[in-house]
C-alpha atoms as a PDB file:
ATOM      1  CA  MET A   1     105.391  74.726 106.707  1.00  0.00           C
ATOM      2  CA  LYS A   2     104.484  75.769 103.177  1.00  0.00           C
ATOM      3  CA  GLU A   3     107.317  76.824 100.874  1.00  0.00           C
ATOM      4  CA  PRO A   4     107.539  78.398  97.410  1.00  0.00           C
ATOM      5  CA  LEU A   5     108.323  76.241  94.396  1.00  0.00           C
ATOM      6  CA  TYR A   6     110.679  77.699  91.784  1.00  0.00           C
ATOM      7  CA  LEU A   7     110.590  76.152  88.293  1.00  0.00           C
ATOM      8  CA  ILE A   8     113.545  77.270  86.187  1.00  0.00           C
ATOM      9  CA  SER A   9     113.660  74.415  83.655  1.00  0.00           C
ATOM     10  CA  ASP A  10     111.125  74.003  80.845  1.00  0.00           C
ATOM     11  CA  GLY A  11     108.391  71.486  81.520  1.00  0.00           C
ATOM     12  CA  VAL A  12     104.750  70.662  82.114  1.00  0.00           C
ATOM     13  CA  LEU A  13     102.589  70.954  85.225  1.00  0.00           C
ATOM     14  CA  TYR A  14      99.752  68.457  85.115  1.00  0.00           C
ATOM     15  CA  LYS A  15      97.363  66.592  87.405  1.00  0.00           C
ATOM     16  CA  HIS A  16      96.934  62.846  87.551  1.00  0.00           C
ATOM     17  CA  SER A  17      94.731  61.078  90.111  1.00  0.00           C
ATOM     18  CA  ASP A  18      94.484  64.201  92.279  1.00  0.00           C
ATOM     19  CA  THR A  19      98.287  64.549  92.368  1.00  0.00           C
ATOM     20  CA  LEU A  20     100.231  67.427  90.832  1.00  0.00           C
ATOM     21  CA  TYR A  21     103.283  66.544  88.726  1.00  0.00           C
ATOM     22  CA  PHE A  22     106.067  68.464  87.056  1.00  0.00           C
ATOM     23  CA  ALA A  23     107.646  66.695  84.098  1.00  0.00           C
ATOM     24  CA  ASN A  24     110.374  67.344  81.565  1.00  0.00           C
ATOM     25  CA  LYS A  25     112.928  65.358  79.564  1.00  0.00           C
ATOM     26  CA  ASP A  26     115.669  65.726  82.179  1.00  0.00           C
ATOM     27  CA  ILE A  27     113.917  64.640  85.378  1.00  0.00           C
ATOM     28  CA  GLY A  28     111.033  62.626  83.973  1.00  0.00           C
ATOM     29  CA  LYS A  29     107.991  63.232  86.145  1.00  0.00           C
ATOM     30  CA  LYS A  30     108.139  64.426  89.734  1.00  0.00           C
ATOM     31  CA  PRO A  31     105.164  64.579  92.136  1.00  0.00           C
ATOM     32  CA  ILE A  32     104.618  67.896  93.899  1.00  0.00           C
ATOM     33  CA  PRO A  33     103.030  67.829  97.381  1.00  0.00           C
ATOM     34  CA  VAL A  34     100.632  70.744  96.929  1.00  0.00           C
ATOM     35  CA  GLU A  35      99.808  70.839 100.637  1.00  0.00           C
ATOM     36  CA  ASN A  36     103.388  72.032 101.227  1.00  0.00           C
ATOM     37  CA  VAL A  37     103.474  74.662  98.460  1.00  0.00           C
ATOM     38  CA  SER A  38     102.743  78.333  99.179  1.00  0.00           C
ATOM     39  CA  ASP A  39     103.136  79.617  95.610  1.00  0.00           C
ATOM     40  CA  ILE A  40     104.861  78.721  92.339  1.00  0.00           C
ATOM     41  CA  TYR A  41     107.335  80.809  90.318  1.00  0.00           C
ATOM     42  CA  CYS A  42     107.685  79.788  86.658  1.00  0.00           C
ATOM     43  CA  TYR A  43     110.902  80.945  84.980  1.00  0.00           C
ATOM     44  CA  GLY A  44     111.138  78.265  82.338  1.00  0.00           C
ATOM     45  CA  ASN A  45     108.789  77.652  79.430  1.00  0.00           C
ATOM     46  CA  ILE A  46     106.100  76.020  81.569  1.00  0.00           C
ATOM     47  CA  THR A  47     102.887  74.510  80.274  1.00  0.00           C
ATOM     48  CA  VAL A  48     100.180  74.483  82.947  1.00  0.00           C
ATOM     49  CA  ARG A  49      97.455  72.048  81.937  1.00  0.00           C
ATOM     50  CA  SER A  50      93.867  72.786  82.860  1.00  0.00           C
ATOM     51  CA  GLY A  51      93.629  70.049  85.489  1.00  0.00           C
ATOM     52  CA  ALA A  52      96.739  71.363  87.247  1.00  0.00           C
ATOM     53  CA  ALA A  53      95.458  74.935  87.052  1.00  0.00           C
ATOM     54  CA  MET A  54      92.136  73.967  88.628  1.00  0.00           C
ATOM     55  CA  LEU A  55      93.856  72.024  91.418  1.00  0.00           C
ATOM     56  CA  LEU A  56      96.173  74.930  92.194  1.00  0.00           C
ATOM     57  CA  MET A  57      93.311  77.429  92.214  1.00  0.00           C
ATOM     58  CA  GLN A  58      91.263  75.163  94.496  1.00  0.00           C
ATOM     59  CA  LYS A  59      94.201  74.945  96.896  1.00  0.00           C
ATOM     60  CA  GLY A  60      94.702  78.736  96.826  1.00  0.00           C
ATOM     61  CA  ILE A  61      98.206  78.543  95.315  1.00  0.00           C
ATOM     62  CA  PRO A  62      99.189  81.541  93.149  1.00  0.00           C
ATOM     63  CA  VAL A  63     101.306  80.778  90.082  1.00  0.00           C
ATOM     64  CA  HIS A  64     103.585  83.616  88.958  1.00  0.00           C
ATOM     65  CA  ILE A  65     104.779  83.669  85.349  1.00  0.00           C
ATOM     66  CA  PHE A  66     108.074  85.262  84.290  1.00  0.00           C
ATOM     67  CA  ASN A  67     109.391  85.606  80.741  1.00  0.00           C
ATOM     68  CA  ARG A  68     112.788  84.345  79.604  1.00  0.00           C
ATOM     69  CA  HIS A  69     114.330  87.649  80.680  1.00  0.00           C
ATOM     70  CA  GLY A  70     113.138  87.111  84.257  1.00  0.00           C
ATOM     71  CA  PHE A  71     110.520  89.873  84.052  1.00  0.00           C
ATOM     72  CA  TYR A  72     107.140  89.322  85.690  1.00  0.00           C
ATOM     73  CA  GLU A  73     104.375  88.789  83.126  1.00  0.00           C
ATOM     74  CA  GLY A  74     101.343  87.802  85.187  1.00  0.00           C
ATOM     75  CA  SER A  75      99.829  85.378  87.649  1.00  0.00           C
ATOM     76  CA  LEU A  76      97.276  82.627  87.860  1.00  0.00           C
ATOM     77  CA  TYR A  77      95.655  84.239  90.865  1.00  0.00           C
ATOM     78  CA  PRO A  78      93.156  82.078  92.760  1.00  0.00           C
ATOM     79  CA  ARG A  79      89.719  83.335  93.647  1.00  0.00           C
ATOM     80  CA  MET A  80      90.036  85.428  96.776  1.00  0.00           C
ATOM     81  CA  GLN A  81      89.659  83.119  99.769  1.00  0.00           C
ATOM     82  CA  LEU A  82      89.608  85.943 102.309  1.00  0.00           C
ATOM     83  CA  ASN A  83      86.820  88.350 101.416  1.00  0.00           C
ATOM     84  CA  SER A  84      85.738  91.487 103.210  1.00  0.00           C
ATOM     85  CA  GLY A  85      83.614  94.000 101.351  1.00  0.00           C
ATOM     86  CA  LEU A  86      84.156  96.477 104.177  1.00  0.00           C
ATOM     87  CA  VAL A  87      87.963  96.344 103.824  1.00  0.00           C
ATOM     88  CA  VAL A  88      87.826  96.807 100.040  1.00  0.00           C
ATOM     89  CA  VAL A  89      85.391  99.725 100.342  1.00  0.00           C
ATOM     90  CA  LYS A  90      87.549 101.404 102.986  1.00  0.00           C
ATOM     91  CA  GLN A  91      90.687 100.705 100.957  1.00  0.00           C
ATOM     92  CA  ALA A  92      89.097 102.408  97.939  1.00  0.00           C
ATOM     93  CA  GLU A  93      87.980 105.350 100.104  1.00  0.00           C
ATOM     94  CA  HIS A  94      91.574 105.867 101.245  1.00  0.00           C
ATOM     95  CA  TYR A  95      92.725 105.954  97.636  1.00  0.00           C
ATOM     96  CA  LEU A  96      89.956 108.332  96.504  1.00  0.00           C
ATOM     97  CA  ASP A  97      90.350 110.792  99.402  1.00  0.00           C
ATOM     98  CA  PRO A  98      93.532 112.808  98.623  1.00  0.00           C
ATOM     99  CA  SER A  99      94.395 113.496 102.269  1.00  0.00           C
ATOM    100  CA  LYS A 100      93.936 109.862 103.282  1.00  0.00           C
ATOM    101  CA  ARG A 101      95.949 108.652 100.307  1.00  0.00           C
ATOM    102  CA  ILE A 102      98.762 111.103 101.017  1.00  0.00           C
ATOM    103  CA  GLU A 103      98.974 109.953 104.624  1.00  0.00           C
ATOM    104  CA  ILE A 104      99.593 106.342 103.556  1.00  0.00           C
ATOM    105  CA  ALA A 105     101.798 107.179 100.558  1.00  0.00           C
ATOM    106  CA  SER A 106     104.071 109.456 102.576  1.00  0.00           C
ATOM    107  CA  GLU A 107     104.478 106.766 105.256  1.00  0.00           C
ATOM    108  CA  ILE A 108     105.416 104.215 102.589  1.00  0.00           C
ATOM    109  CA  VAL A 109     108.149 106.560 101.334  1.00  0.00           C
ATOM    110  CA  ARG A 110     109.342 107.137 104.886  1.00  0.00           C
ATOM    111  CA  GLY A 111     109.751 103.380 105.179  1.00  0.00           C
ATOM    112  CA  ILE A 112     111.706 103.232 101.903  1.00  0.00           C
ATOM    113  CA  LYS A 113     113.925 106.098 103.055  1.00  0.00           C
ATOM    114  CA  HIS A 114     114.591 104.586 106.472  1.00  0.00           C
ATOM    115  CA  ASN A 115     115.452 101.147 105.109  1.00  0.00           C
ATOM    116  CA  ALA A 116     117.707 102.556 102.394  1.00  0.00           C
ATOM    117  CA  LEU A 117     119.534 104.613 105.023  1.00  0.00           C
ATOM    118  CA  GLN A 118     119.883 101.656 107.370  1.00  0.00           C
ATOM    119  CA  THR A 119     121.450  99.608 104.585  1.00  0.00           C
ATOM    120  CA  LEU A 120     123.885 102.393 103.685  1.00  0.00           C
ATOM    121  CA  LYS A 121     124.781 103.004 107.334  1.00  0.00           C
ATOM    122  CA  TYR A 122     125.529  99.303 107.706  1.00  0.00           C
ATOM    123  CA  TYR A 123     128.042  99.492 104.867  1.00  0.00           C
ATOM    124  CA  SER A 124     129.407 102.786 106.141  1.00  0.00           C
ATOM    125  CA  LYS A 125     130.363 100.996 109.356  1.00  0.00           C
ATOM    126  CA  LYS A 126     132.141  98.415 107.202  1.00  0.00           C
ATOM    127  CA  GLY A 127     134.329 101.156 105.725  1.00  0.00           C
ATOM    128  CA  LYS A 128     132.414 101.897 102.516  1.00  0.00           C
ATOM    129  CA  ASN A 129     132.477 105.531 101.380  1.00  0.00           C
ATOM    130  CA  VAL A 130     128.739 106.223 101.227  1.00  0.00           C
ATOM    131  CA  GLU A 131     128.395 109.252 103.525  1.00  0.00           C
ATOM    132  CA  SER A 132     127.478 111.655 100.725  1.00  0.00           C
ATOM    133  CA  PHE A 133     124.628 109.395  99.596  1.00  0.00           C
ATOM    134  CA  ILE A 134     123.376 109.112 103.162  1.00  0.00           C
ATOM    135  CA  ALA A 135     123.356 112.916 103.412  1.00  0.00           C
ATOM    136  CA  ASP A 136     121.410 113.262 100.147  1.00  0.00           C
ATOM    137  CA  ILE A 137     118.757 110.756 101.208  1.00  0.00           C
ATOM    138  CA  GLU A 138     118.392 112.258 104.683  1.00  0.00           C
ATOM    139  CA  LYS A 139     117.401 115.583 103.072  1.00  0.00           C
ATOM    140  CA  GLU A 140     114.349 114.066 101.399  1.00  0.00           C
ATOM    141  CA  GLU A 141     110.929 114.653 102.953  1.00  0.00           C
ATOM    142  CA  ALA A 142     107.839 112.752 101.835  1.00  0.00           C
ATOM    143  CA  SER A 143     105.383 115.644 101.865  1.00  0.00           C
ATOM    144  CA  GLY A 144     103.060 117.616  99.610  1.00  0.00           C
ATOM    145  CA  ASP A 145     100.805 116.048  96.985  1.00  0.00           C
ATOM    146  CA  ILE A 146     101.207 112.595  95.480  1.00  0.00           C
ATOM    147  CA  ASN A 147     103.425 113.855  92.652  1.00  0.00           C
ATOM    148  CA  SER A 148     105.755 115.543  95.139  1.00  0.00           C
ATOM    149  CA  ILE A 149     105.904 112.413  97.285  1.00  0.00           C
ATOM    150  CA  MET A 150     106.699 110.250  94.256  1.00  0.00           C
ATOM    151  CA  SER A 151     109.379 112.718  93.148  1.00  0.00           C
ATOM    152  CA  SER A 152     110.982 112.459  96.573  1.00  0.00           C
ATOM    153  CA  GLU A 153     110.845 108.670  96.311  1.00  0.00           C
ATOM    154  CA  GLY A 154     112.535 108.857  92.901  1.00  0.00           C
ATOM    155  CA  ARG A 155     115.382 110.955  94.283  1.00  0.00           C
ATOM    156  CA  ILE A 156     115.843 108.514  97.177  1.00  0.00           C
ATOM    157  CA  TRP A 157     116.216 105.599  94.771  1.00  0.00           C
ATOM    158  CA  SER A 158     118.531 107.620  92.524  1.00  0.00           C
ATOM    159  CA  SER A 159     120.926 108.422  95.392  1.00  0.00           C
ATOM    160  CA  TYR A 160     120.645 104.911  96.737  1.00  0.00           C
ATOM    161  CA  TYR A 161     121.517 103.234  93.425  1.00  0.00           C
ATOM    162  CA  ALA A 162     124.374 105.693  92.875  1.00  0.00           C
ATOM    163  CA  SER A 163     125.984 104.408  96.081  1.00  0.00           C
ATOM    164  CA  PHE A 164     126.361 100.870  94.731  1.00  0.00           C
ATOM    165  CA  ASN A 165     129.721 101.540  93.060  1.00  0.00           C
ATOM    166  CA  ASP A 166     131.155 102.298  96.496  1.00  0.00           C
ATOM    167  CA  ILE A 167     129.678  99.151  98.036  1.00  0.00           C
ATOM    168  CA  LEU A 168     130.368  96.546  95.360  1.00  0.00           C
ATOM    169  CA  ASN A 169     133.611  95.201  93.962  1.00  0.00           C
ATOM    170  CA  GLU A 170     134.799  96.626  90.664  1.00  0.00           C
ATOM    171  CA  SER A 171     133.560  93.807  88.416  1.00  0.00           C
ATOM    172  CA  PHE A 172     129.975  95.095  88.655  1.00  0.00           C
ATOM    173  CA  VAL A 173     129.373  98.770  87.884  1.00  0.00           C
ATOM    174  CA  MET A 174     126.270 100.932  88.265  1.00  0.00           C
ATOM    175  CA  GLU A 175     126.208 103.498  85.462  1.00  0.00           C
ATOM    176  CA  ARG A 176     122.501 104.321  85.614  1.00  0.00           C
ATOM    177  CA  ARG A 177     119.342 102.423  86.507  1.00  0.00           C
ATOM    178  CA  GLU A 178     117.869 100.679  83.474  1.00  0.00           C
ATOM    179  CA  LYS A 179     114.950  98.300  83.368  1.00  0.00           C
ATOM    180  CA  ARG A 180     113.666  96.925  80.066  1.00  0.00           C
ATOM    181  CA  PRO A 181     116.046  95.680  78.950  1.00  0.00           C
ATOM    182  CA  PRO A 182     118.898  96.081  81.447  1.00  0.00           C
ATOM    183  CA  THR A 183     122.215  96.616  79.651  1.00  0.00           C
ATOM    184  CA  THR A 184     124.533  95.790  82.559  1.00  0.00           C
ATOM    185  CA  GLU A 185     124.880  92.825  84.891  1.00  0.00           C
ATOM    186  CA  LEU A 186     124.013  94.903  87.949  1.00  0.00           C
ATOM    187  CA  ASN A 187     120.811  96.234  86.403  1.00  0.00           C
ATOM    188  CA  ALA A 188     119.890  92.682  85.429  1.00  0.00           C
ATOM    189  CA  LEU A 189     120.258  91.584  89.061  1.00  0.00           C
ATOM    190  CA  ILE A 190     118.161  94.503  90.353  1.00  0.00           C
ATOM    191  CA  SER A 191     115.377  93.904  87.827  1.00  0.00           C
ATOM    192  CA  PHE A 192     115.318  90.172  88.491  1.00  0.00           C
ATOM    193  CA  GLY A 193     115.226  90.692  92.254  1.00  0.00           C
ATOM    194  CA  ASN A 194     112.537  93.358  92.081  1.00  0.00           C
ATOM    195  CA  SER A 195     110.286  91.115  89.971  1.00  0.00           C
ATOM    196  CA  LEU A 196     110.780  88.237  92.390  1.00  0.00           C
ATOM    197  CA  LEU A 197     109.984  90.394  95.412  1.00  0.00           C
ATOM    198  CA  TYR A 198     106.924  91.867  93.658  1.00  0.00           C
ATOM    199  CA  ALA A 199     105.505  88.379  93.025  1.00  0.00           C
ATOM    200  CA  THR A 200     106.278  87.292  96.593  1.00  0.00           C
ATOM    201  CA  THR A 201     104.495  90.375  97.916  1.00  0.00           C
ATOM    202  CA  LEU A 202     101.500  89.621  95.716  1.00  0.00           C
ATOM    203  CA  SER A 203     101.312  86.128  97.237  1.00  0.00           C
ATOM    204  CA  GLU A 204     101.333  87.621 100.724  1.00  0.00           C
ATOM    205  CA  ILE A 205      98.585  90.114  99.842  1.00  0.00           C
ATOM    206  CA  TYR A 206      96.493  87.105  98.749  1.00  0.00           C
ATOM    207  CA  ASN A 207      96.566  85.969 102.385  1.00  0.00           C
ATOM    208  CA  THR A 208      94.957  89.207 103.602  1.00  0.00           C
ATOM    209  CA  TYR A 209      91.632  90.947 102.961  1.00  0.00           C
ATOM    210  CA  LEU A 210      93.290  93.649 100.842  1.00  0.00           C
ATOM    211  CA  HIS A 211      92.557  94.096  97.155  1.00  0.00           C
ATOM    212  CA  PRO A 212      95.878  93.941  95.249  1.00  0.00           C
ATOM    213  CA  SER A 213      94.856  96.494  92.607  1.00  0.00           C
ATOM    214  CA  ILE A 214      94.030  99.390  94.963  1.00  0.00           C
ATOM    215  CA  SER A 215      97.273 101.179  95.820  1.00  0.00           C
ATOM    216  CA  PHE A 216      98.267 104.429  97.469  1.00  0.00           C
ATOM    217  CA  LEU A 217     101.726 105.485  96.270  1.00  0.00           C
ATOM    218  CA  HIS A 218     101.707 104.047  92.746  1.00  0.00           C
ATOM    219  CA  GLU A 219      98.712 104.732  90.557  1.00  0.00           C
ATOM    220  CA  PRO A 220      96.372 101.742  90.216  1.00  0.00           C
ATOM    221  CA  SER A 221      96.989 100.093  86.855  1.00  0.00           C
ATOM    222  CA  GLU A 222      95.003  97.785  84.611  1.00  0.00           C
ATOM    223  CA  ARG A 223      98.075  95.628  84.007  1.00  0.00           C
ATOM    224  CA  ARG A 224      99.691  95.483  87.440  1.00  0.00           C
ATOM    225  CA  PHE A 225      98.689  94.667  90.983  1.00  0.00           C
ATOM    226  CA  SER A 226      99.886  98.060  92.112  1.00  0.00           C
ATOM    227  CA  LEU A 227      99.481  97.530  95.859  1.00  0.00           C
ATOM    228  CA  ALA A 228     102.249  94.908  95.559  1.00  0.00           C
ATOM    229  CA  LEU A 229     104.476  97.643  94.101  1.00  0.00           C
ATOM    230  CA  ASP A 230     103.740  99.885  97.099  1.00  0.00           C
ATOM    231  CA  MET A 231     104.522  97.208  99.661  1.00  0.00           C
ATOM    232  CA  ALA A 232     107.501  95.637  97.868  1.00  0.00           C
ATOM    233  CA  ASP A 233     109.326  98.978  97.636  1.00  0.00           C
ATOM    234  CA  ILE A 234     109.553  99.166 101.432  1.00  0.00           C
ATOM    235  CA  PHE A 235     111.445  95.866 101.552  1.00  0.00           C
ATOM    236  CA  LYS A 236     113.721  96.224  98.507  1.00  0.00           C
ATOM    237  CA  PRO A 237     116.698  97.749 100.379  1.00  0.00           C
ATOM    238  CA  ILE A 238     116.742  95.028 103.031  1.00  0.00           C
ATOM    239  CA  ILE A 239     115.937  92.035 100.837  1.00  0.00           C
ATOM    240  CA  VAL A 240     116.789  92.535  97.153  1.00  0.00           C
ATOM    241  CA  GLU A 241     119.872  94.708  97.580  1.00  0.00           C
ATOM    242  CA  ARG A 242     121.232  92.703 100.510  1.00  0.00           C
ATOM    243  CA  VAL A 243     120.959  89.587  98.330  1.00  0.00           C
ATOM    244  CA  ILE A 244     122.755  91.342  95.463  1.00  0.00           C
ATOM    245  CA  PHE A 245     125.556  92.675  97.669  1.00  0.00           C
ATOM    246  CA  ASN A 246     126.075  89.220  99.154  1.00  0.00           C
ATOM    247  CA  LEU A 247     126.152  87.498  95.760  1.00  0.00           C
ATOM    248  CA  ILE A 248     128.648  89.949  94.286  1.00  0.00           C
ATOM    249  CA  ASN A 249     130.962  90.743  97.185  1.00  0.00           C
ATOM    250  CA  ASN A 250     131.279  87.073  98.138  1.00  0.00           C
ATOM    251  CA  LYS A 251     131.871  86.157  94.489  1.00  0.00           C
ATOM    252  CA  ILE A 252     128.965  83.742  94.412  1.00  0.00           C
ATOM    253  CA  ILE A 253     127.824  85.186  91.107  1.00  0.00           C
ATOM    254  CA  ASN A 254     130.082  86.289  88.259  1.00  0.00           C
ATOM    255  CA  ASN A 255     130.015  87.350  84.616  1.00  0.00           C
ATOM    256  CA  ASN A 256     129.557  83.739  83.496  1.00  0.00           C
ATOM    257  CA  ASP A 257     126.073  83.785  85.050  1.00  0.00           C
ATOM    258  CA  PHE A 258     124.737  86.216  82.432  1.00  0.00           C
ATOM    259  CA  ASN A 259     123.743  86.093  78.786  1.00  0.00           C
ATOM    260  CA  LYS A 260     123.997  89.053  76.431  1.00  0.00           C
ATOM    261  CA  ASP A 261     121.064  88.980  74.073  1.00  0.00           C
ATOM    262  CA  ILE A 262     118.736  91.953  73.945  1.00  0.00           C
ATOM    263  CA  GLY A 263     120.463  93.560  76.876  1.00  0.00           C
ATOM    264  CA  VAL A 264     122.087  91.607  79.712  1.00  0.00           C
ATOM    265  CA  LEU A 265     120.126  88.857  81.435  1.00  0.00           C
ATOM    266  CA  LEU A 266     120.719  86.181  84.041  1.00  0.00           C
ATOM    267  CA  ASN A 267     121.139  82.718  82.554  1.00  0.00           C
ATOM    268  CA  ALA A 268     119.793  79.557  84.197  1.00  0.00           C
ATOM    269  CA  SER A 269     122.833  79.257  86.458  1.00  0.00           C
ATOM    270  CA  GLY A 270     122.527  82.878  87.552  1.00  0.00           C
ATOM    271  CA  LYS A 271     118.811  82.538  88.213  1.00  0.00           C
ATOM    272  CA  ARG A 272     119.382  79.491  90.409  1.00  0.00           C
ATOM    273  CA  LYS A 273     122.041  81.289  92.440  1.00  0.00           C
ATOM    274  CA  PHE A 274     119.883  84.387  92.882  1.00  0.00           C
ATOM    275  CA  ILE A 275     116.744  82.439  93.809  1.00  0.00           C
ATOM    276  CA  ALA A 276     118.640  80.300  96.331  1.00  0.00           C
ATOM    277  CA  SER A 277     120.060  83.402  98.039  1.00  0.00           C
ATOM    278  CA  PHE A 278     116.713  85.232  97.890  1.00  0.00           C
ATOM    279  CA  ASP A 279     114.847  82.261  99.344  1.00  0.00           C
ATOM    280  CA  GLU A 280     117.357  81.971 102.179  1.00  0.00           C
ATOM    281  CA  LYS A 281     117.075  85.686 102.927  1.00  0.00           C
ATOM    282  CA  ILE A 282     113.300  85.914 102.860  1.00  0.00           C
ATOM    283  CA  ASN A 283     112.976  82.903 105.156  1.00  0.00           C
ATOM    284  CA  THR A 284     115.484  84.268 107.674  1.00  0.00           C
ATOM    285  CA  THR A 285     113.778  84.911 111.008  1.00  0.00           C
ATOM    286  CA  ILE A 286     114.044  88.106 113.043  1.00  0.00           C
ATOM    287  CA  LYS A 287     112.666  88.997 116.487  1.00  0.00           C
ATOM    288  CA  HIS A 288     109.572  91.144 116.065  1.00  0.00           C
ATOM    289  CA  PRO A 289     109.574  93.851 118.760  1.00  0.00           C
ATOM    290  CA  GLU A 290     105.770  93.975 119.153  1.00  0.00           C
ATOM    291  CA  LEU A 291     104.861  90.316 118.619  1.00  0.00           C
ATOM    292  CA  ASN A 292     107.821  89.281 120.784  1.00  0.00           C
ATOM    293  CA  ARG A 293     108.534  86.240 118.626  1.00  0.00           C
ATOM    294  CA  ASN A 294     110.622  85.343 115.609  1.00  0.00           C
ATOM    295  CA  VAL A 295     109.062  85.878 112.175  1.00  0.00           C
ATOM    296  CA  THR A 296     110.459  85.539 108.669  1.00  0.00           C
ATOM    297  CA  TYR A 297     111.043  88.476 106.348  1.00  0.00           C
ATOM    298  CA  ARG A 298     108.331  86.972 104.166  1.00  0.00           C
ATOM    299  CA  TYR A 299     105.842  87.083 107.019  1.00  0.00           C
ATOM    300  CA  MET A 300     106.881  90.686 107.720  1.00  0.00           C
ATOM    301  CA  ILE A 301     105.496  91.523 104.272  1.00  0.00           C
ATOM    302  CA  ARG A 302     102.152  89.977 105.208  1.00  0.00           C
ATOM    303  CA  LEU A 303     102.162  91.918 108.469  1.00  0.00           C
ATOM    304  CA  GLU A 304     102.495  95.089 106.382  1.00  0.00           C
ATOM    305  CA  GLY A 305      99.196  94.173 104.780  1.00  0.00           C
ATOM    306  CA  TYR A 306      97.588  93.602 108.178  1.00  0.00           C
ATOM    307  CA  LYS A 307      98.752  97.047 109.306  1.00  0.00           C
ATOM    308  CA  LEU A 308      97.184  98.649 106.234  1.00  0.00           C
ATOM    309  CA  ILE A 309      93.896  96.891 106.996  1.00  0.00           C
ATOM    310  CA  LYS A 310      93.913  98.249 110.558  1.00  0.00           C
ATOM    311  CA  HIS A 311      94.618 101.727 109.201  1.00  0.00           C
ATOM    312  CA  VAL A 312      91.813 101.817 106.610  1.00  0.00           C
ATOM    313  CA  LEU A 313      89.374 100.448 109.211  1.00  0.00           C
ATOM    314  CA  GLY A 314      90.399 103.194 111.639  1.00  0.00           C
ATOM    315  CA  ASP A 315      91.775 100.796 114.257  1.00  0.00           C
ATOM    316  CA  LYS A 316      95.422 101.862 114.275  1.00  0.00           C
ATOM    317  CA  ARG A 317      97.474 104.371 112.299  1.00  0.00           C
ATOM    318  CA  TYR A 318      99.713 102.793 109.669  1.00  0.00           C
ATOM    319  CA  VAL A 319     103.450 102.856 110.373  1.00  0.00           C
ATOM    320  CA  SER A 320     105.557 101.278 107.648  1.00  0.00           C
ATOM    321  CA  PHE A 321     108.156  98.618 108.372  1.00  0.00           C
ATOM    322  CA  LYS A 322     111.468 100.188 109.382  1.00  0.00           C
ATOM    323  CA  MET A 323     114.489  98.035 109.953  1.00  0.00           C
ATOM    324  CA  TRP A 324     115.541  98.454 113.576  1.00  0.00           C
ATOM    325  CA  TRP A 325     118.797  96.499 113.810  1.00  0.00           C
END
């Protein structure tokens, strides 16, 4: 089974005699079995030498680059191994046709809404006072034009994030959602988790026939693979936030895991704790009701891509992932 490789320390990726190595002053050089690697996440100051880059691209292994703040900067994205001109053309048609785009975008927001509500209802059963936030989110309807749908999505996230103070212990406070740079520990955790999920989603899109730049809810962008933004948003409440709640409420992470520089950022210790919890969560298996077998959360993201392909080809209407347990 292939697994992601997370590089938090500074170092060099290089190839020698058809073997990939990671080396730095602390560990010396360590061989990396590329046949077992799904993708690589670089959080340290990593030098990727040309031989290593070519080997990784030949093996179809995406390399995601994050800056010292933990923000996603870009990817070494291999040449598409799964190509279908028909899928890309149909995907573009569904973006260009307003009614077709709205149908997909509204279903994405319905998935976000459902999963946010399921998370809040879970904590409501555990005695957390989140009923008012549940009521606010339940009022939202993903309808109208794209701007109206995105406005509804924004209000869902606003109510959802506002509930965090009633879910988390008092050492971490949500004042308002901030991104670049985050000025509180909680915002730092959300931004770090969102970037990690975005890159993971991009890796899963690579394993489908979809083009990562043609999106439906977010506007396609020259600097982002916007389809990964669409798909990642559906899974944020059940992956990123569940990881954050677990880390904070079980006191796995604390104020010593952050640095205050330009804003508040996770330090190396904090990044390791978050990545370990995220990796455990995303590789947790759940029983898929249609496939009738256990699949990981990570594979559920890939299945979302398969469902979009079936939709744009006219085989089966797209229904976004909605947590059922």
